[in-house]
Amino acid sequence: MSIYVGNLSYDVTEADLTSIFAEYGSVKRVQLPTDRETGRMRGFGFVEMSAESEESAAIDALDGAEWMGRDLKVNKAKPREDRGSAGGGRRNNNFSRGRY
């Protein structure tokens, strides 16, 4: 299971997030997604801990807590939705219509 952590400061590091969650148990992994174009942190991350009881304790303690000037949003991460292979955009290509 993974924990979603939202409304993070753009200055937060993996080490920062690891240290705050380590107060509630053993942190296995921290991910901080970045924007593909700018390389800037996107303001959310994911934390994996060793036991579900540790994750629950961290969620209970940190959801809504003020940290680094922000009110954190912390909950169980939801599975990523499949966006399909079309990329969400409307395709307008002549090959699909039989026109070359």
PDB file of N, CA and C in Angstrom:
ATOM      1  N   MET A   1       0.851  -1.188   0.000  1.00  0.00           N
ATOM      2  CA  MET A   1       0.000   0.000   0.000  1.00  0.00           C
ATOM      3  C   MET A   1       0.886   1.238   0.000  1.00  0.00           C
ATOM      4  N   SER A   2       0.334   2.299  -0.493  1.00  0.00           N
ATOM      5  CA  SER A   2       1.078   3.542  -0.595  1.00  0.00           C
ATOM      6  C   SER A   2       0.236   4.678  -0.027  1.00  0.00           C
ATOM      7  N   ILE A   3       0.914   5.698   0.471  1.00  0.00           N
ATOM      8  CA  ILE A   3       0.255   6.872   1.035  1.00  0.00           C
ATOM      9  C   ILE A   3       0.432   8.035   0.059  1.00  0.00           C
ATOM     10  N   TYR A   4      -0.665   8.734  -0.224  1.00  0.00           N
ATOM     11  CA  TYR A   4      -0.614   9.953  -1.032  1.00  0.00           C
ATOM     12  C   TYR A   4      -0.406  11.121  -0.077  1.00  0.00           C
ATOM     13  N   VAL A   5       0.519  12.016  -0.413  1.00  0.00           N
ATOM     14  CA  VAL A   5       0.772  13.210   0.389  1.00  0.00           C
ATOM     15  C   VAL A   5       0.643  14.412  -0.539  1.00  0.00           C
ATOM     16  N   GLY A   6      -0.392  15.217  -0.316  1.00  0.00           N
ATOM     17  CA  GLY A   6      -0.636  16.360  -1.185  1.00  0.00           C
ATOM     18  C   GLY A   6      -0.450  17.687  -0.487  1.00  0.00           C
ATOM     19  N   ASN A   7      -0.449  18.740  -1.296  1.00  0.00           N
ATOM     20  CA  ASN A   7      -0.265  20.118  -0.851  1.00  0.00           C
ATOM     21  C   ASN A   7       1.115  20.326  -0.223  1.00  0.00           C
ATOM     22  N   LEU A   8       2.110  19.673  -0.816  1.00  0.00           N
ATOM     23  CA  LEU A   8       3.477  19.807  -0.327  1.00  0.00           C
ATOM     24  C   LEU A   8       4.109  21.098  -0.824  1.00  0.00           C
ATOM     25  N   SER A   9       5.015  21.620  -0.035  1.00  0.00           N
ATOM     26  CA  SER A   9       5.834  22.748  -0.454  1.00  0.00           C
ATOM     27  C   SER A   9       6.681  22.300  -1.643  1.00  0.00           C
ATOM     28  N   TYR A  10       6.922  23.199  -2.581  1.00  0.00           N
ATOM     29  CA  TYR A  10       7.756  22.863  -3.731  1.00  0.00           C
ATOM     30  C   TYR A  10       9.226  22.713  -3.336  1.00  0.00           C
ATOM     31  N   ASP A  11       9.564  23.084  -2.103  1.00  0.00           N
ATOM     32  CA  ASP A  11      10.937  22.978  -1.618  1.00  0.00           C
ATOM     33  C   ASP A  11      11.220  21.664  -0.907  1.00  0.00           C
ATOM     34  N   VAL A  12      10.200  20.827  -0.709  1.00  0.00           N
ATOM     35  CA  VAL A  12      10.377  19.582   0.044  1.00  0.00           C
ATOM     36  C   VAL A  12      11.282  18.612  -0.722  1.00  0.00           C
ATOM     37  N   THR A  13      12.057  17.837   0.025  1.00  0.00           N
ATOM     38  CA  THR A  13      12.933  16.827  -0.567  1.00  0.00           C
ATOM     39  C   THR A  13      12.489  15.441  -0.089  1.00  0.00           C
ATOM     40  N   GLU A  14      13.018  14.402  -0.744  1.00  0.00           N
ATOM     41  CA  GLU A  14      12.724  13.040  -0.308  1.00  0.00           C
ATOM     42  C   GLU A  14      13.190  12.825   1.129  1.00  0.00           C
ATOM     43  N   ALA A  15      14.326  13.419   1.495  1.00  0.00           N
ATOM     44  CA  ALA A  15      14.852  13.288   2.858  1.00  0.00           C
ATOM     45  C   ALA A  15      13.899  13.933   3.867  1.00  0.00           C
ATOM     46  N   ASP A  16      13.332  15.108   3.514  1.00  0.00           N
ATOM     47  CA  ASP A  16      12.367  15.776   4.399  1.00  0.00           C
ATOM     48  C   ASP A  16      11.167  14.881   4.657  1.00  0.00           C
ATOM     49  N   LEU A  17      10.615  14.340   3.587  1.00  0.00           N
ATOM     50  CA  LEU A  17       9.417  13.509   3.693  1.00  0.00           C
ATOM     51  C   LEU A  17       9.716  12.214   4.445  1.00  0.00           C
ATOM     52  N   THR A  18      10.879  11.644   4.195  1.00  0.00           N
ATOM     53  CA  THR A  18      11.278  10.432   4.911  1.00  0.00           C
ATOM     54  C   THR A  18      11.358  10.696   6.411  1.00  0.00           C
ATOM     55  N   SER A  19      11.952  11.814   6.800  1.00  0.00           N
ATOM     56  CA  SER A  19      12.132  12.091   8.231  1.00  0.00           C
ATOM     57  C   SER A  19      10.800  12.311   8.948  1.00  0.00           C
ATOM     58  N   ILE A  20       9.845  12.982   8.307  1.00  0.00           N
ATOM     59  CA  ILE A  20       8.553  13.227   8.966  1.00  0.00           C
ATOM     60  C   ILE A  20       7.753  11.934   9.089  1.00  0.00           C
ATOM     61  N   PHE A  21       7.814  11.056   8.093  1.00  0.00           N
ATOM     62  CA  PHE A  21       7.072   9.799   8.151  1.00  0.00           C
ATOM     63  C   PHE A  21       7.789   8.755   9.010  1.00  0.00           C
ATOM     64  N   ALA A  22       9.094   8.856   9.168  1.00  0.00           N
ATOM     65  CA  ALA A  22       9.855   7.909   9.980  1.00  0.00           C
ATOM     66  C   ALA A  22       9.440   7.972  11.449  1.00  0.00           C
ATOM     67  N   GLU A  23       8.813   9.063  11.860  1.00  0.00           N
ATOM     68  CA  GLU A  23       8.319   9.174  13.236  1.00  0.00           C
ATOM     69  C   GLU A  23       7.201   8.165  13.505  1.00  0.00           C
ATOM     70  N   TYR A  24       6.610   7.603  12.445  1.00  0.00           N
ATOM     71  CA  TYR A  24       5.470   6.694  12.585  1.00  0.00           C
ATOM     72  C   TYR A  24       5.804   5.261  12.179  1.00  0.00           C
ATOM     73  N   GLY A  25       7.049   5.004  11.750  1.00  0.00           N
ATOM     74  CA  GLY A  25       7.449   3.662  11.379  1.00  0.00           C
ATOM     75  C   GLY A  25       8.556   3.671  10.348  1.00  0.00           C
ATOM     76  N   SER A  26       8.784   2.517   9.770  1.00  0.00           N
ATOM     77  CA  SER A  26       9.859   2.340   8.806  1.00  0.00           C
ATOM     78  C   SER A  26       9.408   2.734   7.398  1.00  0.00           C
ATOM     79  N   VAL A  27      10.090   3.708   6.820  1.00  0.00           N
ATOM     80  CA  VAL A  27       9.773   4.183   5.466  1.00  0.00           C
ATOM     81  C   VAL A  27      10.550   3.349   4.460  1.00  0.00           C
ATOM     82  N   LYS A  28       9.822   2.694   3.557  1.00  0.00           N
ATOM     83  CA  LYS A  28      10.456   1.866   2.529  1.00  0.00           C
ATOM     84  C   LYS A  28      10.833   2.667   1.294  1.00  0.00           C
ATOM     85  N   ARG A  29       9.962   3.609   0.910  1.00  0.00           N
ATOM     86  CA  ARG A  29      10.202   4.337  -0.333  1.00  0.00           C
ATOM     87  C   ARG A  29       9.450   5.661  -0.328  1.00  0.00           C
ATOM     88  N   VAL A  30      10.043   6.671  -0.941  1.00  0.00           N
ATOM     89  CA  VAL A  30       9.420   7.985  -1.114  1.00  0.00           C
ATOM     90  C   VAL A  30       9.558   8.370  -2.584  1.00  0.00           C
ATOM     91  N   GLN A  31       8.466   8.841  -3.176  1.00  0.00           N
ATOM     92  CA  GLN A  31       8.494   9.323  -4.565  1.00  0.00           C
ATOM     93  C   GLN A  31       7.944  10.744  -4.598  1.00  0.00           C
ATOM     94  N   LEU A  32       8.667  11.627  -5.271  1.00  0.00           N
ATOM     95  CA  LEU A  32       8.217  13.000  -5.481  1.00  0.00           C
ATOM     96  C   LEU A  32       8.200  13.260  -6.979  1.00  0.00           C
ATOM     97  N   PRO A  33       7.044  13.096  -7.630  1.00  0.00           N
ATOM     98  CA  PRO A  33       6.976  13.324  -9.082  1.00  0.00           C
ATOM     99  C   PRO A  33       7.346  14.758  -9.460  1.00  0.00           C
ATOM    100  N   THR A  34       7.986  14.881 -10.605  1.00  0.00           N
ATOM    101  CA  THR A  34       8.344  16.206 -11.108  1.00  0.00           C
ATOM    102  C   THR A  34       7.686  16.434 -12.464  1.00  0.00           C
ATOM    103  N   ASP A  35       7.513  17.686 -12.799  1.00  0.00           N
ATOM    104  CA  ASP A  35       6.949  18.066 -14.080  1.00  0.00           C
ATOM    105  C   ASP A  35       7.949  17.722 -15.183  1.00  0.00           C
ATOM    106  N   ARG A  36       7.478  17.099 -16.247  1.00  0.00           N
ATOM    107  CA  ARG A  36       8.371  16.680 -17.340  1.00  0.00           C
ATOM    108  C   ARG A  36       9.064  17.856 -18.013  1.00  0.00           C
ATOM    109  N   GLU A  37       8.357  18.947 -18.151  1.00  0.00           N
ATOM    110  CA  GLU A  37       8.912  20.082 -18.900  1.00  0.00           C
ATOM    111  C   GLU A  37       9.803  20.973 -18.061  1.00  0.00           C
ATOM    112  N   THR A  38       9.391  21.247 -16.809  1.00  0.00           N
ATOM    113  CA  THR A  38      10.150  22.191 -15.982  1.00  0.00           C
ATOM    114  C   THR A  38      11.101  21.514 -15.017  1.00  0.00           C
ATOM    115  N   GLY A  39      10.859  20.231 -14.703  1.00  0.00           N
ATOM    116  CA  GLY A  39      11.674  19.539 -13.720  1.00  0.00           C
ATOM    117  C   GLY A  39      11.308  19.906 -12.286  1.00  0.00           C
ATOM    118  N   ARG A  40      10.341  20.781 -12.142  1.00  0.00           N
ATOM    119  CA  ARG A  40       9.919  21.251 -10.818  1.00  0.00           C
ATOM    120  C   ARG A  40       9.011  20.225 -10.141  1.00  0.00           C
ATOM    121  N   MET A  41       9.126  20.117  -8.833  1.00  0.00           N
ATOM    122  CA  MET A  41       8.273  19.219  -8.067  1.00  0.00           C
ATOM    123  C   MET A  41       6.820  19.610  -8.288  1.00  0.00           C
ATOM    124  N   ARG A  42       5.925  18.610  -8.312  1.00  0.00           N
ATOM    125  CA  ARG A  42       4.528  18.861  -8.645  1.00  0.00           C
ATOM    126  C   ARG A  42       3.637  19.142  -7.438  1.00  0.00           C
ATOM    127  N   GLY A  43       4.184  19.110  -6.229  1.00  0.00           N
ATOM    128  CA  GLY A  43       3.401  19.470  -5.045  1.00  0.00           C
ATOM    129  C   GLY A  43       2.721  18.300  -4.360  1.00  0.00           C
ATOM    130  N   PHE A  44       3.059  17.082  -4.785  1.00  0.00           N
ATOM    131  CA  PHE A  44       2.537  15.908  -4.100  1.00  0.00           C
ATOM    132  C   PHE A  44       3.571  14.799  -4.177  1.00  0.00           C
ATOM    133  N   GLY A  45       3.346  13.750  -3.372  1.00  0.00           N
ATOM    134  CA  GLY A  45       4.272  12.635  -3.377  1.00  0.00           C
ATOM    135  C   GLY A  45       3.609  11.381  -2.838  1.00  0.00           C
ATOM    136  N   PHE A  46       4.392  10.323  -2.802  1.00  0.00           N
ATOM    137  CA  PHE A  46       3.914   9.037  -2.307  1.00  0.00           C
ATOM    138  C   PHE A  46       4.936   8.463  -1.344  1.00  0.00           C
ATOM    139  N   VAL A  47       4.433   7.850  -0.272  1.00  0.00           N
ATOM    140  CA  VAL A  47       5.291   7.235   0.731  1.00  0.00           C
ATOM    141  C   VAL A  47       4.825   5.803   0.941  1.00  0.00           C
ATOM    142  N   GLU A  48       5.767   4.876   0.952  1.00  0.00           N
ATOM    143  CA  GLU A  48       5.464   3.483   1.283  1.00  0.00           C
ATOM    144  C   GLU A  48       6.143   3.155   2.593  1.00  0.00           C
ATOM    145  N   MET A  49       5.377   2.524   3.495  1.00  0.00           N
ATOM    146  CA  MET A  49       5.916   2.143   4.796  1.00  0.00           C
ATOM    147  C   MET A  49       5.866   0.627   4.936  1.00  0.00           C
ATOM    148  N   SER A  50       6.557   0.099   5.940  1.00  0.00           N
ATOM    149  CA  SER A  50       6.689  -1.345   6.109  1.00  0.00           C
ATOM    150  C   SER A  50       5.400  -2.051   6.508  1.00  0.00           C
ATOM    151  N   ALA A  51       4.560  -1.389   7.288  1.00  0.00           N
ATOM    152  CA  ALA A  51       3.348  -2.051   7.784  1.00  0.00           C
ATOM    153  C   ALA A  51       2.138  -1.142   7.616  1.00  0.00           C
ATOM    154  N   GLU A  52       0.997  -1.758   7.385  1.00  0.00           N
ATOM    155  CA  GLU A  52      -0.235  -0.984   7.221  1.00  0.00           C
ATOM    156  C   GLU A  52      -0.578  -0.207   8.488  1.00  0.00           C
ATOM    157  N   SER A  53      -0.256  -0.769   9.642  1.00  0.00           N
ATOM    158  CA  SER A  53      -0.530  -0.075  10.909  1.00  0.00           C
ATOM    159  C   SER A  53       0.296   1.213  11.008  1.00  0.00           C
ATOM    160  N   GLU A  54       1.522   1.177  10.495  1.00  0.00           N
ATOM    161  CA  GLU A  54       2.365   2.376  10.476  1.00  0.00           C
ATOM    162  C   GLU A  54       1.777   3.421   9.532  1.00  0.00           C
ATOM    163  N   GLU A  55       1.305   2.965   8.370  1.00  0.00           N
ATOM    164  CA  GLU A  55       0.694   3.882   7.414  1.00  0.00           C
ATOM    165  C   GLU A  55      -0.538   4.547   8.016  1.00  0.00           C
ATOM    166  N   SER A  56      -1.370   3.759   8.689  1.00  0.00           N
ATOM    167  CA  SER A  56      -2.579   4.300   9.309  1.00  0.00           C
ATOM    168  C   SER A  56      -2.235   5.334  10.374  1.00  0.00           C
ATOM    169  N   ALA A  57      -1.221   5.057  11.172  1.00  0.00           N
ATOM    170  CA  ALA A  57      -0.797   6.001  12.218  1.00  0.00           C
ATOM    171  C   ALA A  57      -0.312   7.313  11.595  1.00  0.00           C
ATOM    172  N   ALA A  58       0.470   7.206  10.511  1.00  0.00           N
ATOM    173  CA  ALA A  58       0.980   8.401   9.833  1.00  0.00           C
ATOM    174  C   ALA A  58      -0.158   9.212   9.224  1.00  0.00           C
ATOM    175  N   ILE A  59      -1.105   8.520   8.594  1.00  0.00           N
ATOM    176  CA  ILE A  59      -2.243   9.214   7.978  1.00  0.00           C
ATOM    177  C   ILE A  59      -3.051   9.942   9.040  1.00  0.00           C
ATOM    178  N   ASP A  60      -3.364   9.257  10.132  1.00  0.00           N
ATOM    179  CA  ASP A  60      -4.147   9.855  11.217  1.00  0.00           C
ATOM    180  C   ASP A  60      -3.455  11.082  11.801  1.00  0.00           C
ATOM    181  N   ALA A  61      -2.142  11.002  11.956  1.00  0.00           N
ATOM    182  CA  ALA A  61      -1.399  12.097  12.582  1.00  0.00           C
ATOM    183  C   ALA A  61      -1.134  13.268  11.639  1.00  0.00           C
ATOM    184  N   LEU A  62      -0.912  12.989  10.361  1.00  0.00           N
ATOM    185  CA  LEU A  62      -0.434  14.034   9.453  1.00  0.00           C
ATOM    186  C   LEU A  62      -1.497  14.658   8.554  1.00  0.00           C
ATOM    187  N   ASP A  63      -2.630  13.994   8.352  1.00  0.00           N
ATOM    188  CA  ASP A  63      -3.663  14.578   7.489  1.00  0.00           C
ATOM    189  C   ASP A  63      -4.185  15.862   8.124  1.00  0.00           C
ATOM    190  N   GLY A  64      -4.042  16.965   7.415  1.00  0.00           N
ATOM    191  CA  GLY A  64      -4.488  18.265   7.902  1.00  0.00           C
ATOM    192  C   GLY A  64      -3.449  19.004   8.736  1.00  0.00           C
ATOM    193  N   ALA A  65      -2.326  18.355   9.033  1.00  0.00           N
ATOM    194  CA  ALA A  65      -1.276  18.988   9.825  1.00  0.00           C
ATOM    195  C   ALA A  65      -0.553  20.051   9.002  1.00  0.00           C
ATOM    196  N   GLU A  66      -0.126  21.106   9.668  1.00  0.00           N
ATOM    197  CA  GLU A  66       0.632  22.162   9.014  1.00  0.00           C
ATOM    198  C   GLU A  66       2.102  21.767   9.020  1.00  0.00           C
ATOM    199  N   TRP A  67       2.726  21.774   7.835  1.00  0.00           N
ATOM    200  CA  TRP A  67       4.139  21.421   7.711  1.00  0.00           C
ATOM    201  C   TRP A  67       4.750  22.228   6.586  1.00  0.00           C
ATOM    202  N   MET A  68       5.843  22.894   6.864  1.00  0.00           N
ATOM    203  CA  MET A  68       6.547  23.737   5.894  1.00  0.00           C
ATOM    204  C   MET A  68       5.605  24.797   5.308  1.00  0.00           C
ATOM    205  N   GLY A  69       4.733  25.327   6.158  1.00  0.00           N
ATOM    206  CA  GLY A  69       3.828  26.402   5.738  1.00  0.00           C
ATOM    207  C   GLY A  69       2.608  25.944   4.964  1.00  0.00           C
ATOM    208  N   ARG A  70       2.351  24.648   4.910  1.00  0.00           N
ATOM    209  CA  ARG A  70       1.216  24.106   4.158  1.00  0.00           C
ATOM    210  C   ARG A  70       0.417  23.146   5.027  1.00  0.00           C
ATOM    211  N   ASP A  71      -0.893  23.048   4.765  1.00  0.00           N
ATOM    212  CA  ASP A  71      -1.736  22.052   5.415  1.00  0.00           C
ATOM    213  C   ASP A  71      -1.725  20.797   4.553  1.00  0.00           C
ATOM    214  N   LEU A  72      -1.139  19.734   5.082  1.00  0.00           N
ATOM    215  CA  LEU A  72      -0.971  18.501   4.314  1.00  0.00           C
ATOM    216  C   LEU A  72      -2.294  17.787   4.069  1.00  0.00           C
ATOM    217  N   LYS A  73      -2.381  17.129   2.942  1.00  0.00           N
ATOM    218  CA  LYS A  73      -3.480  16.231   2.612  1.00  0.00           C
ATOM    219  C   LYS A  73      -2.842  14.847   2.527  1.00  0.00           C
ATOM    220  N   VAL A  74      -3.193  13.973   3.468  1.00  0.00           N
ATOM    221  CA  VAL A  74      -2.558  12.661   3.556  1.00  0.00           C
ATOM    222  C   VAL A  74      -3.641  11.588   3.608  1.00  0.00           C
ATOM    223  N   ASN A  75      -3.587  10.640   2.665  1.00  0.00           N
ATOM    224  CA  ASN A  75      -4.535   9.524   2.671  1.00  0.00           C
ATOM    225  C   ASN A  75      -3.957   8.338   1.908  1.00  0.00           C
ATOM    226  N   LYS A  76      -4.685   7.222   1.942  1.00  0.00           N
ATOM    227  CA  LYS A  76      -4.238   6.053   1.192  1.00  0.00           C
ATOM    228  C   LYS A  76      -4.279   6.399  -0.290  1.00  0.00           C
ATOM    229  N   ALA A  77      -3.221   6.046  -0.988  1.00  0.00           N
ATOM    230  CA  ALA A  77      -3.161   6.324  -2.422  1.00  0.00           C
ATOM    231  C   ALA A  77      -4.150   5.435  -3.155  1.00  0.00           C
ATOM    232  N   LYS A  78      -4.805   6.012  -4.143  1.00  0.00           N
ATOM    233  CA  LYS A  78      -5.733   5.258  -4.979  1.00  0.00           C
ATOM    234  C   LYS A  78      -4.969   4.715  -6.173  1.00  0.00           C
ATOM    235  N   PRO A  79      -5.387   3.561  -6.685  1.00  0.00           N
ATOM    236  CA  PRO A  79      -4.708   3.030  -7.881  1.00  0.00           C
ATOM    237  C   PRO A  79      -4.810   4.022  -9.034  1.00  0.00           C
ATOM    238  N   ARG A  80      -3.751   4.074  -9.812  1.00  0.00           N
ATOM    239  CA  ARG A  80      -3.715   4.986 -10.953  1.00  0.00           C
ATOM    240  C   ARG A  80      -4.728   4.536 -12.002  1.00  0.00           C
ATOM    241  N   GLU A  81      -5.515   5.485 -12.493  1.00  0.00           N
ATOM    242  CA  GLU A  81      -6.506   5.160 -13.510  1.00  0.00           C
ATOM    243  C   GLU A  81      -5.844   5.025 -14.865  1.00  0.00           C
ATOM    244  N   ASP A  82      -6.303   4.055 -15.634  1.00  0.00           N
ATOM    245  CA  ASP A  82      -5.791   3.865 -16.986  1.00  0.00           C
ATOM    246  C   ASP A  82      -6.393   4.941 -17.879  1.00  0.00           C
ATOM    247  N   ARG A  83      -5.536   5.728 -18.493  1.00  0.00           N
ATOM    248  CA  ARG A  83      -6.011   6.821 -19.342  1.00  0.00           C
ATOM    249  C   ARG A  83      -6.221   6.385 -20.784  1.00  0.00           C
ATOM    250  N   GLY A  84      -5.887   5.148 -21.095  1.00  0.00           N
ATOM    251  CA  GLY A  84      -6.038   4.681 -22.474  1.00  0.00           C
ATOM    252  C   GLY A  84      -4.838   5.058 -23.308  1.00  0.00           C
ATOM    253  N   SER A  85      -4.798   4.547 -24.524  1.00  0.00           N
ATOM    254  CA  SER A  85      -3.628   4.783 -25.366  1.00  0.00           C
ATOM    255  C   SER A  85      -3.773   5.997 -26.277  1.00  0.00           C
ATOM    256  N   ALA A  86      -4.945   6.596 -26.336  1.00  0.00           N
ATOM    257  CA  ALA A  86      -5.151   7.735 -27.230  1.00  0.00           C
ATOM    258  C   ALA A  86      -4.605   9.036 -26.641  1.00  0.00           C
ATOM    259  N   GLY A  87      -4.231   9.028 -25.386  1.00  0.00           N
ATOM    260  CA  GLY A  87      -3.672  10.231 -24.778  1.00  0.00           C
ATOM    261  C   GLY A  87      -4.720  11.271 -24.447  1.00  0.00           C
ATOM    262  N   GLY A  88      -5.968  10.934 -24.562  1.00  0.00           N
ATOM    263  CA  GLY A  88      -7.033  11.856 -24.186  1.00  0.00           C
ATOM    264  C   GLY A  88      -7.371  12.886 -25.236  1.00  0.00           C
ATOM    265  N   GLY A  89      -6.544  13.022 -26.257  1.00  0.00           N
ATOM    266  CA  GLY A  89      -6.819  14.026 -27.284  1.00  0.00           C
ATOM    267  C   GLY A  89      -7.619  13.450 -28.435  1.00  0.00           C
ATOM    268  N   ARG A  90      -8.265  14.329 -29.178  1.00  0.00           N
ATOM    269  CA  ARG A  90      -9.025  13.882 -30.347  1.00  0.00           C
ATOM    270  C   ARG A  90      -8.076  13.686 -31.510  1.00  0.00           C
ATOM    271  N   ARG A  91      -8.174  12.556 -32.129  1.00  0.00           N
ATOM    272  CA  ARG A  91      -7.276  12.260 -33.240  1.00  0.00           C
ATOM    273  C   ARG A  91      -7.960  12.630 -34.555  1.00  0.00           C
ATOM    274  N   ASN A  92      -7.230  13.320 -35.374  1.00  0.00           N
ATOM    275  CA  ASN A  92      -7.749  13.698 -36.677  1.00  0.00           C
ATOM    276  C   ASN A  92      -6.690  13.333 -37.699  1.00  0.00           C
ATOM    277  N   ASN A  93      -6.618  12.030 -38.006  1.00  0.00           N
ATOM    278  CA  ASN A  93      -5.632  11.671 -39.014  1.00  0.00           C
ATOM    279  C   ASN A  93      -6.312  10.984 -40.179  1.00  0.00           C
ATOM    280  N   ASN A  94      -5.804  11.231 -41.335  1.00  0.00           N
ATOM    281  CA  ASN A  94      -6.410  10.731 -42.562  1.00  0.00           C
ATOM    282  C   ASN A  94      -6.290   9.235 -42.726  1.00  0.00           C
ATOM    283  N   PHE A  95      -5.310   8.618 -42.069  1.00  0.00           N
ATOM    284  CA  PHE A  95      -5.159   7.165 -42.183  1.00  0.00           C
ATOM    285  C   PHE A  95      -6.375   6.425 -41.637  1.00  0.00           C
ATOM    286  N   SER A  96      -6.951   6.937 -40.542  1.00  0.00           N
ATOM    287  CA  SER A  96      -8.093   6.259 -39.950  1.00  0.00           C
ATOM    288  C   SER A  96      -9.344   6.383 -40.834  1.00  0.00           C
ATOM    289  N   ARG A  97      -9.324   7.318 -41.768  1.00  0.00           N
ATOM    290  CA  ARG A  97     -10.473   7.521 -42.664  1.00  0.00           C
ATOM    291  C   ARG A  97     -10.245   6.918 -44.048  1.00  0.00           C
ATOM    292  N   GLY A  98      -9.094   6.272 -44.234  1.00  0.00           N
ATOM    293  CA  GLY A  98      -8.817   5.680 -45.527  1.00  0.00           C
ATOM    294  C   GLY A  98      -8.288   6.674 -46.549  1.00  0.00           C
ATOM    295  N   ARG A  99      -7.970   7.887 -46.125  1.00  0.00           N
ATOM    296  CA  ARG A  99      -7.405   8.896 -47.028  1.00  0.00           C
ATOM    297  C   ARG A  99      -5.930   9.005 -46.786  1.00  0.00           C
ATOM    298  N   TYR A 100      -5.168   8.980 -47.861  1.00  0.00           N
ATOM    299  CA  TYR A 100      -3.713   9.043 -47.709  1.00  0.00           C
ATOM    300  C   TYR A 100      -3.254  10.350 -48.226  1.00  0.00           C
TER     301      TYR A 100
END
